[in-house]
ModelCIF file with pLDDT and N, C-alpha, C, O atoms, coordinates in Angstrom:
data_MODEL
#
_entry.id   MODEL 
#
_entity.id                         1 
_entity.type                       polymer 
_entity.pdbx_number_of_molecules   1 
#
_entity_poly.entity_id                      1 
_entity_poly.type                           'polypeptide(L)' 
_entity_poly.nstd_linkage                   no 
_entity_poly.nstd_monomer                   no 
_entity_poly.pdbx_seq_one_letter_code       VGGERNWDYRYTWIRDASLSVRALIDLGFTEEA 
_entity_poly.pdbx_seq_one_letter_code_can   VGGERNWDYRYTWIRDASLSVRALIDLGFTEEA 
_entity_poly.pdbx_strand_id                 A 
#
loop_
_entity_poly_seq.entity_id 
_entity_poly_seq.num 
_entity_poly_seq.mon_id 
_entity_poly_seq.hetero 
1 1  VAL n 
1 2  GLY n 
1 3  GLY n 
1 4  GLU n 
1 5  ARG n 
1 6  ASN n 
1 7  TRP n 
1 8  ASP n 
1 9  TYR n 
1 10 ARG n 
1 11 TYR n 
1 12 THR n 
1 13 TRP n 
1 14 ILE n 
1 15 ARG n 
1 16 ASP n 
1 17 ALA n 
1 18 SER n 
1 19 LEU n 
1 20 SER n 
1 21 VAL n 
1 22 ARG n 
1 23 ALA n 
1 24 LEU n 
1 25 ILE n 
1 26 ASP n 
1 27 LEU n 
1 28 GLY n 
1 29 PHE n 
1 30 THR n 
1 31 GLU n 
1 32 GLU n 
1 33 ALA n 
#
_struct_asym.id          A 
_struct_asym.entity_id   1 
#
loop_
_ma_qa_metric.id 
_ma_qa_metric.mode 
_ma_qa_metric.name 
_ma_qa_metric.software_group_id 
_ma_qa_metric.type 
1 global pLDDT . pLDDT 
2 local  pLDDT . pLDDT 
#
_ma_qa_metric_global.metric_id      1 
_ma_qa_metric_global.metric_value   93.48 
_ma_qa_metric_global.model_id       1 
_ma_qa_metric_global.ordinal_id     1 
#
loop_
_ma_qa_metric_local.label_asym_id 
_ma_qa_metric_local.label_comp_id 
_ma_qa_metric_local.label_seq_id 
_ma_qa_metric_local.metric_id 
_ma_qa_metric_local.metric_value 
_ma_qa_metric_local.model_id 
_ma_qa_metric_local.ordinal_id 
A VAL 1  2 93.00 1 1  
A GLY 2  2 91.00 1 2  
A GLY 3  2 89.00 1 3  
A GLU 4  2 90.00 1 4  
A ARG 5  2 86.00 1 5  
A ASN 6  2 93.00 1 6  
A TRP 7  2 95.00 1 7  
A ASP 8  2 97.00 1 8  
A TYR 9  2 97.00 1 9  
A ARG 10 2 98.00 1 10 
A TYR 11 2 98.00 1 11 
A THR 12 2 98.00 1 12 
A TRP 13 2 97.00 1 13 
A ILE 14 2 96.00 1 14 
A ARG 15 2 95.00 1 15 
A ASP 16 2 93.00 1 16 
A ALA 17 2 95.00 1 17 
A SER 18 2 94.00 1 18 
A LEU 19 2 91.00 1 19 
A SER 20 2 92.00 1 20 
A VAL 21 2 90.00 1 21 
A ARG 22 2 89.00 1 22 
A ALA 23 2 91.00 1 23 
A LEU 24 2 92.00 1 24 
A ILE 25 2 92.00 1 25 
A ASP 26 2 93.00 1 26 
A LEU 27 2 96.00 1 27 
A GLY 28 2 95.00 1 28 
A PHE 29 2 96.00 1 29 
A THR 30 2 92.00 1 30 
A GLU 31 2 93.00 1 31 
A GLU 32 2 95.00 1 32 
A ALA 33 2 93.00 1 33 
#
loop_
_atom_site.group_PDB 
_atom_site.id 
_atom_site.type_symbol 
_atom_site.label_atom_id 
_atom_site.label_alt_id 
_atom_site.label_comp_id 
_atom_site.label_asym_id 
_atom_site.label_entity_id 
_atom_site.label_seq_id 
_atom_site.pdbx_PDB_ins_code 
_atom_site.Cartn_x 
_atom_site.Cartn_y 
_atom_site.Cartn_z 
_atom_site.occupancy 
_atom_site.B_iso_or_equiv 
_atom_site.pdbx_formal_charge 
_atom_site.auth_seq_id 
_atom_site.auth_comp_id 
_atom_site.auth_asym_id 
_atom_site.auth_atom_id 
_atom_site.pdbx_PDB_model_num 
ATOM 1   N N  . VAL A 1 1  ? 29.189 -60.187 178.654 1.00 93.00 ? 1  VAL A N  1 
ATOM 2   C CA . VAL A 1 1  ? 28.561 -60.719 180.245 1.00 93.00 ? 1  VAL A CA 1 
ATOM 3   C C  . VAL A 1 1  ? 28.926 -59.522 181.305 1.00 93.00 ? 1  VAL A C  1 
ATOM 4   O O  . VAL A 1 1  ? 29.897 -58.860 181.673 1.00 93.00 ? 1  VAL A O  1 
ATOM 5   N N  . GLY A 1 2  ? 27.720 -59.648 181.524 1.00 91.00 ? 2  GLY A N  1 
ATOM 6   C CA . GLY A 1 2  ? 28.083 -58.258 182.633 1.00 91.00 ? 2  GLY A CA 1 
ATOM 7   C C  . GLY A 1 2  ? 27.862 -56.777 182.889 1.00 91.00 ? 2  GLY A C  1 
ATOM 8   O O  . GLY A 1 2  ? 27.802 -56.209 183.980 1.00 91.00 ? 2  GLY A O  1 
ATOM 9   N N  . GLY A 1 3  ? 27.757 -56.285 181.717 1.00 89.00 ? 3  GLY A N  1 
ATOM 10  C CA . GLY A 1 3  ? 27.806 -55.236 180.946 1.00 89.00 ? 3  GLY A CA 1 
ATOM 11  C C  . GLY A 1 3  ? 26.789 -54.108 181.396 1.00 89.00 ? 3  GLY A C  1 
ATOM 12  O O  . GLY A 1 3  ? 27.134 -53.651 182.486 1.00 89.00 ? 3  GLY A O  1 
ATOM 13  N N  . GLU A 1 4  ? 26.034 -53.719 181.064 1.00 90.00 ? 4  GLU A N  1 
ATOM 14  C CA . GLU A 1 4  ? 24.518 -52.550 180.671 1.00 90.00 ? 4  GLU A CA 1 
ATOM 15  C C  . GLU A 1 4  ? 24.914 -52.728 178.697 1.00 90.00 ? 4  GLU A C  1 
ATOM 16  O O  . GLU A 1 4  ? 24.502 -51.778 178.032 1.00 90.00 ? 4  GLU A O  1 
ATOM 17  N N  . ARG A 1 5  ? 25.519 -53.667 178.043 1.00 86.00 ? 5  ARG A N  1 
ATOM 18  C CA . ARG A 1 5  ? 24.818 -52.844 176.686 1.00 86.00 ? 5  ARG A CA 1 
ATOM 19  C C  . ARG A 1 5  ? 24.385 -54.038 176.217 1.00 86.00 ? 5  ARG A C  1 
ATOM 20  O O  . ARG A 1 5  ? 25.039 -54.728 175.435 1.00 86.00 ? 5  ARG A O  1 
ATOM 21  N N  . ASN A 1 6  ? 22.640 -54.501 176.928 1.00 93.00 ? 6  ASN A N  1 
ATOM 22  C CA . ASN A 1 6  ? 21.217 -55.096 176.578 1.00 93.00 ? 6  ASN A CA 1 
ATOM 23  C C  . ASN A 1 6  ? 20.161 -54.144 176.173 1.00 93.00 ? 6  ASN A C  1 
ATOM 24  O O  . ASN A 1 6  ? 19.730 -53.110 176.685 1.00 93.00 ? 6  ASN A O  1 
ATOM 25  N N  . TRP A 1 7  ? 19.923 -54.694 175.281 1.00 95.00 ? 7  TRP A N  1 
ATOM 26  C CA . TRP A 1 7  ? 18.842 -54.043 174.317 1.00 95.00 ? 7  TRP A CA 1 
ATOM 27  C C  . TRP A 1 7  ? 18.166 -54.891 174.018 1.00 95.00 ? 7  TRP A C  1 
ATOM 28  O O  . TRP A 1 7  ? 18.695 -55.993 173.875 1.00 95.00 ? 7  TRP A O  1 
ATOM 29  N N  . ASP A 1 8  ? 15.988 -54.682 173.683 1.00 97.00 ? 8  ASP A N  1 
ATOM 30  C CA . ASP A 1 8  ? 15.395 -55.527 173.440 1.00 97.00 ? 8  ASP A CA 1 
ATOM 31  C C  . ASP A 1 8  ? 15.395 -55.069 171.967 1.00 97.00 ? 8  ASP A C  1 
ATOM 32  O O  . ASP A 1 8  ? 14.688 -54.307 171.307 1.00 97.00 ? 8  ASP A O  1 
ATOM 33  N N  . TYR A 1 9  ? 16.078 -55.557 171.809 1.00 97.00 ? 9  TYR A N  1 
ATOM 34  C CA . TYR A 1 9  ? 15.724 -56.021 169.471 1.00 97.00 ? 9  TYR A CA 1 
ATOM 35  C C  . TYR A 1 9  ? 14.255 -56.537 169.273 1.00 97.00 ? 9  TYR A C  1 
ATOM 36  O O  . TYR A 1 9  ? 14.101 -56.478 168.053 1.00 97.00 ? 9  TYR A O  1 
ATOM 37  N N  . ARG A 1 10 ? 13.015 -57.046 169.868 1.00 98.00 ? 10 ARG A N  1 
ATOM 38  C CA . ARG A 1 10 ? 12.452 -57.807 169.365 1.00 98.00 ? 10 ARG A CA 1 
ATOM 39  C C  . ARG A 1 10 ? 10.886 -56.789 168.399 1.00 98.00 ? 10 ARG A C  1 
ATOM 40  O O  . ARG A 1 10 ? 9.670  -56.961 168.325 1.00 98.00 ? 10 ARG A O  1 
ATOM 41  N N  . TYR A 1 11 ? 11.673 -55.983 167.959 1.00 98.00 ? 11 TYR A N  1 
ATOM 42  C CA . TYR A 1 11 ? 10.821 -55.161 167.117 1.00 98.00 ? 11 TYR A CA 1 
ATOM 43  C C  . TYR A 1 11 ? 11.732 -54.966 165.670 1.00 98.00 ? 11 TYR A C  1 
ATOM 44  O O  . TYR A 1 11 ? 12.752 -55.574 165.346 1.00 98.00 ? 11 TYR A O  1 
ATOM 45  N N  . THR A 1 12 ? 11.145 -54.115 165.074 1.00 98.00 ? 12 THR A N  1 
ATOM 46  C CA . THR A 1 12 ? 11.386 -53.576 162.803 1.00 98.00 ? 12 THR A CA 1 
ATOM 47  C C  . THR A 1 12 ? 11.930 -52.705 163.181 1.00 98.00 ? 12 THR A C  1 
ATOM 48  O O  . THR A 1 12 ? 11.508 -51.719 163.786 1.00 98.00 ? 12 THR A O  1 
ATOM 49  N N  . TRP A 1 13 ? 13.383 -53.099 162.720 1.00 97.00 ? 13 TRP A N  1 
ATOM 50  C CA . TRP A 1 13 ? 13.557 -51.647 162.343 1.00 97.00 ? 13 TRP A CA 1 
ATOM 51  C C  . TRP A 1 13 ? 14.107 -50.924 161.264 1.00 97.00 ? 13 TRP A C  1 
ATOM 52  O O  . TRP A 1 13 ? 15.065 -51.539 160.795 1.00 97.00 ? 13 TRP A O  1 
ATOM 53  N N  . ILE A 1 14 ? 13.836 -49.664 160.579 1.00 96.00 ? 14 ILE A N  1 
ATOM 54  C CA . ILE A 1 14 ? 13.338 -50.121 159.166 1.00 96.00 ? 14 ILE A CA 1 
ATOM 55  C C  . ILE A 1 14 ? 14.939 -49.986 158.347 1.00 96.00 ? 14 ILE A C  1 
ATOM 56  O O  . ILE A 1 14 ? 14.833 -49.508 157.217 1.00 96.00 ? 14 ILE A O  1 
ATOM 57  N N  . ARG A 1 15 ? 16.009 -50.251 158.664 1.00 95.00 ? 15 ARG A N  1 
ATOM 58  C CA . ARG A 1 15 ? 16.742 -49.761 158.711 1.00 95.00 ? 15 ARG A CA 1 
ATOM 59  C C  . ARG A 1 15 ? 17.374 -51.470 158.274 1.00 95.00 ? 15 ARG A C  1 
ATOM 60  O O  . ARG A 1 15 ? 17.740 -51.483 157.099 1.00 95.00 ? 15 ARG A O  1 
ATOM 61  N N  . ASP A 1 16 ? 17.573 -52.990 159.062 1.00 93.00 ? 16 ASP A N  1 
ATOM 62  C CA . ASP A 1 16 ? 17.414 -53.924 159.246 1.00 93.00 ? 16 ASP A CA 1 
ATOM 63  C C  . ASP A 1 16 ? 16.302 -54.590 158.048 1.00 93.00 ? 16 ASP A C  1 
ATOM 64  O O  . ASP A 1 16 ? 16.613 -55.203 157.027 1.00 93.00 ? 16 ASP A O  1 
ATOM 65  N N  . ALA A 1 17 ? 15.511 -54.394 158.333 1.00 95.00 ? 17 ALA A N  1 
ATOM 66  C CA . ALA A 1 17 ? 14.284 -54.442 157.187 1.00 95.00 ? 17 ALA A CA 1 
ATOM 67  C C  . ALA A 1 17 ? 14.432 -54.230 155.846 1.00 95.00 ? 17 ALA A C  1 
ATOM 68  O O  . ALA A 1 17 ? 13.996 -54.839 154.869 1.00 95.00 ? 17 ALA A O  1 
ATOM 69  N N  . SER A 1 18 ? 14.991 -53.447 155.943 1.00 94.00 ? 18 SER A N  1 
ATOM 70  C CA . SER A 1 18 ? 14.799 -52.607 154.478 1.00 94.00 ? 18 SER A CA 1 
ATOM 71  C C  . SER A 1 18 ? 16.017 -52.852 153.411 1.00 94.00 ? 18 SER A C  1 
ATOM 72  O O  . SER A 1 18 ? 15.889 -53.002 152.196 1.00 94.00 ? 18 SER A O  1 
ATOM 73  N N  . LEU A 1 19 ? 16.811 -52.854 153.908 1.00 91.00 ? 19 LEU A N  1 
ATOM 74  C CA . LEU A 1 19 ? 18.360 -53.883 154.128 1.00 91.00 ? 19 LEU A CA 1 
ATOM 75  C C  . LEU A 1 19 ? 17.666 -55.084 153.057 1.00 91.00 ? 19 LEU A C  1 
ATOM 76  O O  . LEU A 1 19 ? 17.509 -55.145 151.838 1.00 91.00 ? 19 LEU A O  1 
ATOM 77  N N  . SER A 1 20 ? 17.341 -56.014 154.255 1.00 92.00 ? 20 SER A N  1 
ATOM 78  C CA . SER A 1 20 ? 16.535 -57.599 153.816 1.00 92.00 ? 20 SER A CA 1 
ATOM 79  C C  . SER A 1 20 ? 16.443 -58.219 152.323 1.00 92.00 ? 20 SER A C  1 
ATOM 80  O O  . SER A 1 20 ? 16.805 -59.225 151.713 1.00 92.00 ? 20 SER A O  1 
ATOM 81  N N  . VAL A 1 21 ? 15.678 -56.902 152.085 1.00 90.00 ? 21 VAL A N  1 
ATOM 82  C CA . VAL A 1 21 ? 14.473 -57.237 151.024 1.00 90.00 ? 21 VAL A CA 1 
ATOM 83  C C  . VAL A 1 21 ? 15.974 -57.269 149.117 1.00 90.00 ? 21 VAL A C  1 
ATOM 84  O O  . VAL A 1 21 ? 15.558 -57.660 148.026 1.00 90.00 ? 21 VAL A O  1 
ATOM 85  N N  . ARG A 1 22 ? 17.124 -56.895 149.272 1.00 89.00 ? 22 ARG A N  1 
ATOM 86  C CA . ARG A 1 22 ? 17.471 -57.425 148.508 1.00 89.00 ? 22 ARG A CA 1 
ATOM 87  C C  . ARG A 1 22 ? 17.887 -59.209 148.396 1.00 89.00 ? 22 ARG A C  1 
ATOM 88  O O  . ARG A 1 22 ? 18.157 -59.902 147.415 1.00 89.00 ? 22 ARG A O  1 
ATOM 89  N N  . ALA A 1 23 ? 17.784 -59.560 149.963 1.00 91.00 ? 23 ALA A N  1 
ATOM 90  C CA . ALA A 1 23 ? 18.312 -61.277 149.889 1.00 91.00 ? 23 ALA A CA 1 
ATOM 91  C C  . ALA A 1 23 ? 16.929 -62.209 149.994 1.00 91.00 ? 23 ALA A C  1 
ATOM 92  O O  . ALA A 1 23 ? 16.620 -63.401 150.005 1.00 91.00 ? 23 ALA A O  1 
ATOM 93  N N  . LEU A 1 24 ? 16.232 -60.764 150.073 1.00 92.00 ? 24 LEU A N  1 
ATOM 94  C CA . LEU A 1 24 ? 15.536 -61.656 149.933 1.00 92.00 ? 24 LEU A CA 1 
ATOM 95  C C  . LEU A 1 24 ? 14.689 -61.564 148.572 1.00 92.00 ? 24 LEU A C  1 
ATOM 96  O O  . LEU A 1 24 ? 13.596 -62.125 148.503 1.00 92.00 ? 24 LEU A O  1 
ATOM 97  N N  . ILE A 1 25 ? 15.256 -60.796 147.422 1.00 92.00 ? 25 ILE A N  1 
ATOM 98  C CA . ILE A 1 25 ? 14.852 -61.182 146.113 1.00 92.00 ? 25 ILE A CA 1 
ATOM 99  C C  . ILE A 1 25 ? 15.668 -62.243 145.614 1.00 92.00 ? 25 ILE A C  1 
ATOM 100 O O  . ILE A 1 25 ? 15.641 -63.311 145.003 1.00 92.00 ? 25 ILE A O  1 
ATOM 101 N N  . ASP A 1 26 ? 16.313 -61.521 146.107 1.00 93.00 ? 26 ASP A N  1 
ATOM 102 C CA . ASP A 1 26 ? 18.169 -63.038 145.002 1.00 93.00 ? 26 ASP A CA 1 
ATOM 103 C C  . ASP A 1 26 ? 17.405 -63.995 145.150 1.00 93.00 ? 26 ASP A C  1 
ATOM 104 O O  . ASP A 1 26 ? 16.711 -64.377 144.208 1.00 93.00 ? 26 ASP A O  1 
ATOM 105 N N  . LEU A 1 27 ? 17.365 -64.634 146.454 1.00 96.00 ? 27 LEU A N  1 
ATOM 106 C CA . LEU A 1 27 ? 17.017 -65.636 146.775 1.00 96.00 ? 27 LEU A CA 1 
ATOM 107 C C  . LEU A 1 27 ? 15.203 -66.854 146.275 1.00 96.00 ? 27 LEU A C  1 
ATOM 108 O O  . LEU A 1 27 ? 14.694 -67.972 146.349 1.00 96.00 ? 27 LEU A O  1 
ATOM 109 N N  . GLY A 1 28 ? 15.019 -65.402 145.791 1.00 95.00 ? 28 GLY A N  1 
ATOM 110 C CA . GLY A 1 28 ? 13.221 -66.010 145.012 1.00 95.00 ? 28 GLY A CA 1 
ATOM 111 C C  . GLY A 1 28 ? 12.510 -65.271 146.119 1.00 95.00 ? 28 GLY A C  1 
ATOM 112 O O  . GLY A 1 28 ? 12.303 -64.285 145.410 1.00 95.00 ? 28 GLY A O  1 
ATOM 113 N N  . PHE A 1 29 ? 11.990 -64.947 147.218 1.00 96.00 ? 29 PHE A N  1 
ATOM 114 C CA . PHE A 1 29 ? 11.153 -64.725 147.742 1.00 96.00 ? 29 PHE A CA 1 
ATOM 115 C C  . PHE A 1 29 ? 9.954  -63.877 148.165 1.00 96.00 ? 29 PHE A C  1 
ATOM 116 O O  . PHE A 1 29 ? 9.169  -63.737 149.103 1.00 96.00 ? 29 PHE A O  1 
ATOM 117 N N  . THR A 1 30 ? 10.232 -63.410 147.010 1.00 92.00 ? 30 THR A N  1 
ATOM 118 C CA . THR A 1 30 ? 9.155  -62.107 146.071 1.00 92.00 ? 30 THR A CA 1 
ATOM 119 C C  . THR A 1 30 ? 8.647  -61.611 147.039 1.00 92.00 ? 30 THR A C  1 
ATOM 120 O O  . THR A 1 30 ? 9.121  -60.527 147.379 1.00 92.00 ? 30 THR A O  1 
ATOM 121 N N  . GLU A 1 31 ? 7.242  -62.309 148.050 1.00 93.00 ? 31 GLU A N  1 
ATOM 122 C CA . GLU A 1 31 ? 5.825  -62.862 148.401 1.00 93.00 ? 31 GLU A CA 1 
ATOM 123 C C  . GLU A 1 31 ? 6.709  -61.650 149.530 1.00 93.00 ? 31 GLU A C  1 
ATOM 124 O O  . GLU A 1 31 ? 6.517  -60.436 149.463 1.00 93.00 ? 31 GLU A O  1 
ATOM 125 N N  . GLU A 1 32 ? 7.921  -62.495 150.776 1.00 95.00 ? 32 GLU A N  1 
ATOM 126 C CA . GLU A 1 32 ? 8.120  -61.283 151.882 1.00 95.00 ? 32 GLU A CA 1 
ATOM 127 C C  . GLU A 1 32 ? 8.583  -60.394 152.100 1.00 95.00 ? 32 GLU A C  1 
ATOM 128 O O  . GLU A 1 32 ? 8.452  -59.601 153.032 1.00 95.00 ? 32 GLU A O  1 
ATOM 129 N N  . ALA A 1 33 ? 9.451  -60.426 150.886 1.00 93.00 ? 33 ALA A N  1 
ATOM 130 C CA . ALA A 1 33 ? 9.521  -59.002 150.136 1.00 93.00 ? 33 ALA A CA 1 
ATOM 131 C C  . ALA A 1 33 ? 8.722  -57.512 149.117 1.00 93.00 ? 33 ALA A C  1 
ATOM 132 O O  . ALA A 1 33 ? 9.416  -56.551 148.783 1.00 93.00 ? 33 ALA A O  1 
#
C-alpha cells in the first residue's frame, strides 16, 4: 500500500493458464482445459 508495484492483471499469462490445465483435468473439467 502506497508503493509502485501496481500492475494490470486482466490478461492471459501463458504460464498461469498452462499450469491451470492439470488442476482442471484433475477436477473433471476437461471442456475448460
